[in-house]
Amino acid sequence: MQVPVSASSYLNILQNYHTRHHR
């Protein structure tokens, strides 16, 4: 399993999406 910046990017996008949808 190799995850360089996938997890970080994924989390960032997820949070951004969640925040946008929450607003």
N, C-alpha and C. Protein backbone atom coordinates (compact mmCIF):
# COMPACT_ATOMS: atom_id res chain seq x y z
N MET A 1 0.85 -1.20 0.00
CA MET A 1 0.00 0.00 0.00
C MET A 1 0.88 1.25 0.00
N GLN A 2 0.72 2.07 -1.02
CA GLN A 2 1.52 3.30 -1.09
C GLN A 2 0.60 4.51 -1.17
N VAL A 3 0.72 5.40 -0.18
CA VAL A 3 -0.12 6.60 -0.18
C VAL A 3 0.72 7.82 0.19
N PRO A 4 1.33 8.46 -0.80
CA PRO A 4 2.17 9.64 -0.59
C PRO A 4 1.33 10.85 -0.17
N VAL A 5 0.53 11.36 -1.09
CA VAL A 5 -0.26 12.55 -0.76
C VAL A 5 -1.73 12.30 -1.09
N SER A 6 -2.03 11.04 -1.37
CA SER A 6 -3.42 10.70 -1.71
C SER A 6 -4.32 10.90 -0.50
N ALA A 7 -3.87 10.37 0.63
CA ALA A 7 -4.67 10.49 1.86
C ALA A 7 -4.87 11.97 2.21
N SER A 8 -3.79 12.73 2.18
CA SER A 8 -3.87 14.16 2.53
C SER A 8 -4.83 14.87 1.57
N SER A 9 -4.63 14.66 0.30
CA SER A 9 -5.47 15.32 -0.71
C SER A 9 -6.93 14.88 -0.54
N TYR A 10 -7.10 13.58 -0.34
CA TYR A 10 -8.44 13.03 -0.19
C TYR A 10 -9.14 13.67 1.02
N LEU A 11 -8.41 13.72 2.13
CA LEU A 11 -8.98 14.31 3.35
C LEU A 11 -9.31 15.77 3.12
N ASN A 12 -8.39 16.47 2.48
CA ASN A 12 -8.59 17.90 2.22
C ASN A 12 -9.84 18.11 1.37
N ILE A 13 -9.95 17.35 0.30
CA ILE A 13 -11.11 17.47 -0.59
C ILE A 13 -12.39 17.10 0.14
N LEU A 14 -12.30 16.03 0.93
CA LEU A 14 -13.48 15.59 1.66
C LEU A 14 -13.97 16.69 2.61
N GLN A 15 -13.03 17.26 3.34
CA GLN A 15 -13.39 18.33 4.29
C GLN A 15 -13.95 19.52 3.54
N ASN A 16 -13.31 19.88 2.44
CA ASN A 16 -13.76 21.02 1.64
C ASN A 16 -15.17 20.76 1.14
N TYR A 17 -15.40 19.58 0.61
CA TYR A 17 -16.72 19.21 0.09
C TYR A 17 -17.76 19.25 1.21
N HIS A 18 -17.38 18.68 2.35
CA HIS A 18 -18.30 18.64 3.49
C HIS A 18 -18.66 20.06 3.92
N THR A 19 -17.63 20.90 4.01
CA THR A 19 -17.86 22.30 4.44
C THR A 19 -18.75 23.01 3.42
N ARG A 20 -18.48 22.78 2.17
CA ARG A 20 -19.25 23.46 1.12
C ARG A 20 -20.71 22.97 1.17
N HIS A 21 -20.87 21.70 1.35
CA HIS A 21 -22.22 21.14 1.38
C HIS A 21 -22.95 21.54 2.67
N HIS A 22 -22.17 21.69 3.73
CA HIS A 22 -22.76 22.05 5.02
C HIS A 22 -23.24 23.50 5.01
N ARG A 23 -22.54 24.31 4.24
CA ARG A 23 -22.92 25.72 4.16
C ARG A 23 -24.19 25.79 3.34
